[in-house]
N, C-alpha and C. Protein backbone atom coordinates (compact mmCIF):
# COMPACT_ATOMS: atom_id res chain seq x y z
N UNK A 1 136.73 92.92 92.87
CA UNK A 1 135.56 92.18 92.89
C UNK A 1 135.07 91.53 94.12
N UNK A 2 133.86 91.70 94.50
CA UNK A 2 133.48 91.22 95.79
C UNK A 2 133.11 89.69 95.71
N UNK A 3 133.50 89.06 96.85
CA UNK A 3 133.27 87.52 97.00
C UNK A 3 131.74 87.31 96.98
N UNK A 4 131.41 86.05 96.80
CA UNK A 4 130.08 85.74 96.83
C UNK A 4 129.39 85.84 98.13
N UNK A 5 130.28 85.71 99.16
CA UNK A 5 129.62 85.83 100.63
C UNK A 5 129.39 87.40 100.85
N UNK A 6 130.28 88.27 100.36
CA UNK A 6 130.01 89.63 100.51
C UNK A 6 128.90 90.09 99.77
N UNK A 7 128.54 89.49 98.43
CA UNK A 7 127.43 89.85 97.72
C UNK A 7 126.19 89.39 98.46
N UNK A 8 126.17 88.30 99.14
CA UNK A 8 125.05 87.77 99.90
C UNK A 8 124.66 88.73 100.98
N UNK A 9 125.68 89.10 101.75
CA UNK A 9 125.54 89.96 102.97
C UNK A 9 124.99 91.26 102.50
N UNK A 10 125.51 91.73 101.33
CA UNK A 10 125.04 93.01 100.81
C UNK A 10 123.67 93.13 100.45
N UNK A 11 123.11 91.85 99.89
CA UNK A 11 121.73 91.70 99.42
C UNK A 11 120.81 91.59 100.76
N UNK A 12 121.35 90.83 101.78
CA UNK A 12 120.54 90.91 102.93
C UNK A 12 120.38 92.17 103.73
N UNK A 13 121.55 92.96 103.64
CA UNK A 13 121.48 94.31 104.35
C UNK A 13 120.63 95.16 103.57
N UNK A 14 120.54 95.15 102.26
CA UNK A 14 119.69 95.92 101.49
C UNK A 14 118.15 95.51 101.67
N UNK A 15 117.79 94.25 101.89
CA UNK A 15 116.54 93.77 102.25
C UNK A 15 116.06 94.28 103.51
N UNK A 16 117.04 94.13 104.48
CA UNK A 16 116.58 94.65 105.86
C UNK A 16 116.58 96.05 105.85
N UNK A 17 117.32 96.92 105.10
CA UNK A 17 117.16 98.37 105.12
C UNK A 17 115.75 98.74 104.63
N UNK A 18 115.45 98.07 103.43
CA UNK A 18 114.17 98.41 102.76
C UNK A 18 113.00 97.96 103.67
N UNK A 19 113.06 96.86 104.45
CA UNK A 19 112.04 96.50 105.36
C UNK A 19 111.90 97.62 106.36
N UNK A 20 113.01 98.14 106.87
CA UNK A 20 112.93 99.11 107.93
C UNK A 20 112.35 100.38 107.44
N UNK A 21 112.71 100.66 106.24
CA UNK A 21 112.21 101.89 105.68
C UNK A 21 110.66 101.85 105.51
N UNK A 22 110.21 100.74 104.90
CA UNK A 22 108.74 100.51 104.82
C UNK A 22 108.03 100.52 106.22
N UNK A 23 108.66 99.89 107.20
CA UNK A 23 108.11 99.83 108.35
C UNK A 23 108.04 101.31 109.11
N UNK A 24 109.17 102.13 108.92
CA UNK A 24 108.97 103.42 109.36
C UNK A 24 108.07 104.42 108.69
N UNK A 25 108.00 104.11 107.38
CA UNK A 25 106.95 104.92 106.78
C UNK A 25 105.44 104.57 106.91
N UNK A 26 105.34 103.24 107.24
CA UNK A 26 103.87 102.81 107.72
C UNK A 26 103.65 103.22 109.19
N UNK A 27 104.63 103.44 110.08
CA UNK A 27 104.27 103.77 111.40
C UNK A 27 104.08 105.47 111.40
N UNK A 28 104.82 105.97 110.57
CA UNK A 28 104.73 107.44 110.54
C UNK A 28 103.44 107.81 109.73
N UNK A 29 103.22 107.15 108.68
CA UNK A 29 101.71 107.60 107.96
C UNK A 29 100.61 107.09 108.93
N UNK A 30 100.68 105.93 109.75
CA UNK A 30 99.57 105.62 110.54
C UNK A 30 99.47 106.61 111.69
N UNK A 31 100.45 107.22 112.37
CA UNK A 31 100.41 108.05 113.35
C UNK A 31 99.80 109.36 112.78
N UNK A 32 100.20 109.83 111.73
CA UNK A 32 99.86 111.12 111.12
C UNK A 32 98.20 110.95 110.78
N UNK A 33 97.90 109.80 110.07
CA UNK A 33 96.50 109.55 109.79
C UNK A 33 95.61 109.58 111.16
N UNK A 34 96.16 108.83 111.97
CA UNK A 34 95.31 108.77 113.33
C UNK A 34 95.25 110.07 114.01
N UNK A 35 96.43 110.96 114.08
CA UNK A 35 96.25 112.20 114.49
C UNK A 35 95.23 113.13 113.88
N UNK A 36 95.32 113.17 112.61
CA UNK A 36 94.51 113.91 111.70
C UNK A 36 93.03 113.45 111.82
N UNK A 37 92.70 112.17 111.86
CA UNK A 37 91.36 111.75 112.03
C UNK A 37 90.87 111.95 113.58
N UNK A 38 91.67 111.90 114.50
CA UNK A 38 91.19 112.18 115.90
C UNK A 38 90.92 113.90 115.98
N UNK A 39 91.60 114.71 115.33
CA UNK A 39 91.42 115.98 115.36
C UNK A 39 90.18 116.37 114.53
N UNK A 40 89.99 115.73 113.39
CA UNK A 40 88.85 115.90 112.49
C UNK A 40 87.53 115.54 113.02
N UNK A 41 87.55 114.37 113.83
CA UNK A 41 86.42 113.87 114.31
C UNK A 41 86.08 114.14 115.89
N UNK A 42 86.85 115.11 116.40
CA UNK A 42 86.72 115.44 117.68
C UNK A 42 85.57 116.54 117.83
N UNK A 43 84.67 116.37 118.80
CA UNK A 43 83.73 117.44 118.98
C UNK A 43 83.72 117.74 120.59
N UNK A 44 83.86 118.96 120.90
CA UNK A 44 84.02 119.44 122.13
C UNK A 44 82.65 119.24 122.93
N UNK A 45 82.56 119.05 124.29
CA UNK A 45 81.36 118.88 124.97
C UNK A 45 80.60 120.10 124.98
N UNK A 46 79.28 120.13 125.18
CA UNK A 46 78.54 121.13 125.33
C UNK A 46 78.79 122.21 126.32
N UNK A 47 79.32 121.71 127.55
CA UNK A 47 79.71 122.60 128.77
C UNK A 47 81.02 122.11 129.21
N UNK A 48 82.13 122.66 128.47
CA UNK A 48 83.59 122.34 128.94
C UNK A 48 83.95 122.53 130.12
N UNK A 49 83.49 123.63 130.68
CA UNK A 49 83.93 124.10 132.01
C UNK A 49 82.68 124.35 132.91
N UNK A 50 82.30 123.17 133.59
CA UNK A 50 81.09 123.44 134.48
C UNK A 50 81.21 124.29 135.49
């Protein structure tokens, strides 16, 4: 049986782990969305090579 202190540390570690997971997912999703929108909204100039 784990002690109360070990249970508290385990709960804290799980909370930090979940926070890092959501942060990484938000960063990855934001970058993917930004890259996709940049590519979709990009219009080349009329004379790209003057």
